[in-house]
Amino acid sequence: MPVLLQVLAIVQRSSAATDDTYSHRMGLTALAAVVPAWLAAGKGLQELWACVVGALPGLPAHRRLSLLAALLQVRVLLAALEFMM
């Protein structure tokens, strides 16, 4: 899992440096892929939120809200799937 977070950090730094729509979407997609693996590894949501919030200062201000919204959206979808099972 730490390797996945390092990859995600690199993708986010790259998208912050280029600040284009494609790179931003790639960062959000990477985050969406990491969340289920993170939870499956038995890690808590608080730890994940702490990692994401800790990375926010390195992102452009106009990209921060969408990153947090994507994290919330993934978590809500996972909760809905758990509920349906």
N, C-alpha and C. Protein backbone atom coordinates (compact mmCIF):
# COMPACT_ATOMS: atom_id res chain seq x y z
N MET A 1 0.81 -1.20 0.00
CA MET A 1 0.00 0.00 0.00
C MET A 1 0.85 1.27 0.00
N PRO A 2 1.96 1.33 0.75
CA PRO A 2 2.76 2.55 0.71
C PRO A 2 3.26 2.88 -0.70
N VAL A 3 3.53 1.85 -1.49
CA VAL A 3 3.99 2.10 -2.87
C VAL A 3 2.88 2.75 -3.68
N LEU A 4 1.64 2.28 -3.49
CA LEU A 4 0.51 2.89 -4.20
C LEU A 4 0.35 4.36 -3.83
N LEU A 5 0.53 4.65 -2.56
CA LEU A 5 0.42 6.05 -2.14
C LEU A 5 1.54 6.89 -2.72
N GLN A 6 2.73 6.32 -2.85
CA GLN A 6 3.82 7.06 -3.47
C GLN A 6 3.52 7.33 -4.93
N VAL A 7 2.97 6.35 -5.62
CA VAL A 7 2.60 6.54 -7.02
C VAL A 7 1.52 7.62 -7.13
N LEU A 8 0.52 7.54 -6.25
CA LEU A 8 -0.53 8.56 -6.25
C LEU A 8 0.04 9.94 -6.00
N ALA A 9 0.99 10.05 -5.08
CA ALA A 9 1.61 11.34 -4.80
C ALA A 9 2.34 11.87 -6.02
N ILE A 10 3.02 11.00 -6.74
CA ILE A 10 3.74 11.41 -7.95
C ILE A 10 2.75 11.90 -9.01
N VAL A 11 1.66 11.15 -9.19
CA VAL A 11 0.65 11.55 -10.17
C VAL A 11 0.06 12.91 -9.79
N GLN A 12 -0.25 13.09 -8.51
CA GLN A 12 -0.82 14.36 -8.08
C GLN A 12 0.18 15.50 -8.24
N ARG A 13 1.46 15.25 -7.92
CA ARG A 13 2.47 16.31 -8.10
C ARG A 13 2.60 16.66 -9.58
N SER A 14 2.54 15.65 -10.42
CA SER A 14 2.63 15.89 -11.86
C SER A 14 1.44 16.71 -12.33
N SER A 15 0.25 16.35 -11.85
CA SER A 15 -0.93 17.11 -12.27
C SER A 15 -0.90 18.52 -11.70
N ALA A 16 -0.31 18.67 -10.53
CA ALA A 16 -0.19 20.01 -9.96
C ALA A 16 0.78 20.85 -10.77
N ALA A 17 1.84 20.20 -11.27
CA ALA A 17 2.85 20.93 -12.04
C ALA A 17 2.31 21.32 -13.41
N THR A 18 1.58 20.40 -14.06
CA THR A 18 1.07 20.70 -15.39
C THR A 18 -0.28 21.42 -15.31
N ASP A 19 -1.05 21.09 -14.29
CA ASP A 19 -2.35 21.71 -14.03
C ASP A 19 -3.25 21.73 -15.26
N ASP A 20 -3.28 20.60 -15.98
CA ASP A 20 -4.22 20.49 -17.09
C ASP A 20 -5.34 19.51 -16.69
N THR A 21 -6.40 19.51 -17.44
CA THR A 21 -7.57 18.70 -17.12
C THR A 21 -7.26 17.22 -17.15
N TYR A 22 -6.51 16.77 -18.15
CA TYR A 22 -6.19 15.35 -18.27
C TYR A 22 -5.40 14.87 -17.05
N SER A 23 -4.38 15.58 -16.65
CA SER A 23 -3.57 15.18 -15.51
C SER A 23 -4.40 15.17 -14.23
N HIS A 24 -5.27 16.14 -14.12
CA HIS A 24 -6.12 16.20 -12.93
C HIS A 24 -7.05 14.98 -12.89
N ARG A 25 -7.65 14.64 -14.01
CA ARG A 25 -8.52 13.46 -14.07
C ARG A 25 -7.75 12.19 -13.76
N MET A 26 -6.50 12.10 -14.22
CA MET A 26 -5.67 10.93 -13.92
C MET A 26 -5.43 10.81 -12.42
N GLY A 27 -5.20 11.92 -11.76
CA GLY A 27 -5.01 11.89 -10.31
C GLY A 27 -6.26 11.43 -9.58
N LEU A 28 -7.41 11.90 -10.03
CA LEU A 28 -8.67 11.49 -9.41
C LEU A 28 -8.95 10.01 -9.67
N THR A 29 -8.63 9.54 -10.87
CA THR A 29 -8.81 8.13 -11.20
C THR A 29 -7.89 7.26 -10.34
N ALA A 30 -6.66 7.71 -10.16
CA ALA A 30 -5.72 6.96 -9.31
C ALA A 30 -6.23 6.90 -7.88
N LEU A 31 -6.75 7.99 -7.39
CA LEU A 31 -7.30 8.01 -6.04
C LEU A 31 -8.46 7.03 -5.92
N ALA A 32 -9.35 7.03 -6.90
CA ALA A 32 -10.50 6.12 -6.89
C ALA A 32 -10.05 4.66 -6.89
N ALA A 33 -8.91 4.38 -7.52
CA ALA A 33 -8.39 3.01 -7.55
C ALA A 33 -7.74 2.63 -6.22
N VAL A 34 -7.17 3.59 -5.54
CA VAL A 34 -6.45 3.31 -4.30
C VAL A 34 -7.41 3.06 -3.12
N VAL A 35 -8.53 3.76 -3.09
CA VAL A 35 -9.43 3.68 -1.93
C VAL A 35 -9.88 2.24 -1.64
N PRO A 36 -10.40 1.49 -2.62
CA PRO A 36 -10.83 0.12 -2.31
C PRO A 36 -9.66 -0.76 -1.82
N ALA A 37 -8.50 -0.60 -2.42
CA ALA A 37 -7.33 -1.38 -1.99
C ALA A 37 -6.92 -0.99 -0.57
N TRP A 38 -6.99 0.29 -0.28
CA TRP A 38 -6.67 0.80 1.05
C TRP A 38 -7.58 0.15 2.09
N LEU A 39 -8.88 0.18 1.82
CA LEU A 39 -9.84 -0.38 2.76
C LEU A 39 -9.72 -1.90 2.86
N ALA A 40 -9.44 -2.56 1.74
CA ALA A 40 -9.27 -4.01 1.74
C ALA A 40 -8.04 -4.43 2.55
N ALA A 41 -7.06 -3.55 2.63
CA ALA A 41 -5.85 -3.84 3.42
C ALA A 41 -6.09 -3.62 4.91
N GLY A 42 -7.31 -3.21 5.25
CA GLY A 42 -7.65 -3.03 6.66
C GLY A 42 -7.26 -1.68 7.22
N LYS A 43 -6.90 -0.77 6.35
CA LYS A 43 -6.54 0.57 6.82
C LYS A 43 -7.82 1.39 6.98
N GLY A 44 -7.79 2.33 7.90
CA GLY A 44 -8.96 3.12 8.21
C GLY A 44 -9.11 4.33 7.33
N LEU A 45 -10.34 4.80 7.27
CA LEU A 45 -10.64 6.00 6.49
C LEU A 45 -9.98 7.24 7.09
N GLN A 46 -9.87 7.29 8.41
CA GLN A 46 -9.23 8.47 9.02
C GLN A 46 -7.79 8.61 8.56
N GLU A 47 -7.09 7.50 8.47
CA GLU A 47 -5.70 7.54 8.00
C GLU A 47 -5.62 7.99 6.54
N LEU A 48 -6.56 7.49 5.73
CA LEU A 48 -6.60 7.89 4.33
C LEU A 48 -6.88 9.39 4.20
N TRP A 49 -7.89 9.86 4.94
CA TRP A 49 -8.21 11.29 4.91
C TRP A 49 -7.01 12.12 5.33
N ALA A 50 -6.30 11.65 6.37
CA ALA A 50 -5.12 12.39 6.84
C ALA A 50 -4.06 12.49 5.73
N CYS A 51 -3.86 11.40 5.00
CA CYS A 51 -2.90 11.42 3.89
C CYS A 51 -3.33 12.40 2.80
N VAL A 52 -4.60 12.34 2.44
CA VAL A 52 -5.10 13.21 1.36
C VAL A 52 -5.06 14.67 1.80
N VAL A 53 -5.53 14.94 3.00
CA VAL A 53 -5.54 16.32 3.49
C VAL A 53 -4.10 16.85 3.62
N GLY A 54 -3.18 15.98 4.01
CA GLY A 54 -1.78 16.38 4.10
C GLY A 54 -1.18 16.75 2.76
N ALA A 55 -1.72 16.17 1.69
CA ALA A 55 -1.21 16.46 0.34
C ALA A 55 -1.83 17.71 -0.26
N LEU A 56 -2.90 18.21 0.32
CA LEU A 56 -3.61 19.35 -0.27
C LEU A 56 -2.75 20.60 -0.47
N PRO A 57 -1.89 20.96 0.48
CA PRO A 57 -1.11 22.19 0.27
C PRO A 57 -0.23 22.15 -0.99
N GLY A 58 0.10 20.95 -1.47
CA GLY A 58 0.92 20.84 -2.67
C GLY A 58 0.14 20.97 -3.96
N LEU A 59 -1.17 21.05 -3.86
CA LEU A 59 -2.02 21.15 -5.05
C LEU A 59 -2.50 22.58 -5.25
N PRO A 60 -2.78 22.95 -6.49
CA PRO A 60 -3.35 24.27 -6.73
C PRO A 60 -4.69 24.39 -5.99
N ALA A 61 -4.97 25.55 -5.47
CA ALA A 61 -6.18 25.77 -4.67
C ALA A 61 -7.45 25.36 -5.41
N HIS A 62 -7.51 25.61 -6.71
CA HIS A 62 -8.73 25.31 -7.46
C HIS A 62 -8.91 23.81 -7.73
N ARG A 63 -7.93 23.00 -7.39
CA ARG A 63 -8.03 21.54 -7.59
C ARG A 63 -8.35 20.79 -6.29
N ARG A 64 -8.24 21.44 -5.17
CA ARG A 64 -8.37 20.76 -3.87
C ARG A 64 -9.78 20.24 -3.62
N LEU A 65 -10.77 21.05 -3.87
CA LEU A 65 -12.14 20.64 -3.58
C LEU A 65 -12.54 19.42 -4.40
N SER A 66 -12.16 19.37 -5.66
CA SER A 66 -12.54 18.22 -6.48
C SER A 66 -11.86 16.94 -6.01
N LEU A 67 -10.66 17.06 -5.45
CA LEU A 67 -9.97 15.89 -4.91
C LEU A 67 -10.74 15.35 -3.70
N LEU A 68 -11.13 16.25 -2.80
CA LEU A 68 -11.89 15.82 -1.63
C LEU A 68 -13.25 15.27 -2.02
N ALA A 69 -13.88 15.89 -3.01
CA ALA A 69 -15.19 15.41 -3.48
C ALA A 69 -15.07 14.02 -4.09
N ALA A 70 -13.99 13.77 -4.82
CA ALA A 70 -13.78 12.45 -5.42
C ALA A 70 -13.60 11.39 -4.33
N LEU A 71 -12.87 11.73 -3.29
CA LEU A 71 -12.67 10.79 -2.19
C LEU A 71 -14.01 10.48 -1.51
N LEU A 72 -14.81 11.50 -1.28
CA LEU A 72 -16.13 11.29 -0.70
C LEU A 72 -17.02 10.43 -1.61
N GLN A 73 -16.97 10.70 -2.89
CA GLN A 73 -17.80 9.98 -3.84
C GLN A 73 -17.44 8.49 -3.86
N VAL A 74 -16.16 8.19 -3.86
CA VAL A 74 -15.72 6.80 -3.86
C VAL A 74 -16.18 6.12 -2.58
N ARG A 75 -16.05 6.79 -1.47
CA ARG A 75 -16.47 6.20 -0.19
C ARG A 75 -17.97 5.97 -0.15
N VAL A 76 -18.75 6.89 -0.66
CA VAL A 76 -20.21 6.72 -0.68
C VAL A 76 -20.60 5.54 -1.57
N LEU A 77 -19.95 5.41 -2.72
CA LEU A 77 -20.24 4.28 -3.61
C LEU A 77 -19.89 2.96 -2.95
N LEU A 78 -18.76 2.90 -2.28
CA LEU A 78 -18.37 1.67 -1.59
C LEU A 78 -19.35 1.33 -0.48
N ALA A 79 -19.79 2.33 0.25
CA ALA A 79 -20.77 2.10 1.32
C ALA A 79 -22.09 1.57 0.74
N ALA A 80 -22.50 2.11 -0.39
CA ALA A 80 -23.73 1.66 -1.03
C ALA A 80 -23.60 0.20 -1.47
N LEU A 81 -22.44 -0.15 -2.01
CA LEU A 81 -22.23 -1.53 -2.44
C LEU A 81 -22.24 -2.48 -1.25
N GLU A 82 -21.62 -2.08 -0.14
CA GLU A 82 -21.61 -2.90 1.06
C GLU A 82 -23.04 -3.09 1.57
N PHE A 83 -23.84 -2.04 1.52
CA PHE A 83 -25.20 -2.09 1.98
C PHE A 83 -26.04 -3.06 1.14
N MET A 84 -25.79 -3.06 -0.16
CA MET A 84 -26.57 -3.91 -1.07
C MET A 84 -26.21 -5.39 -0.95
N MET A 85 -25.03 -5.68 -0.43
CA MET A 85 -24.60 -7.09 -0.33
C MET A 85 -25.20 -7.72 0.85
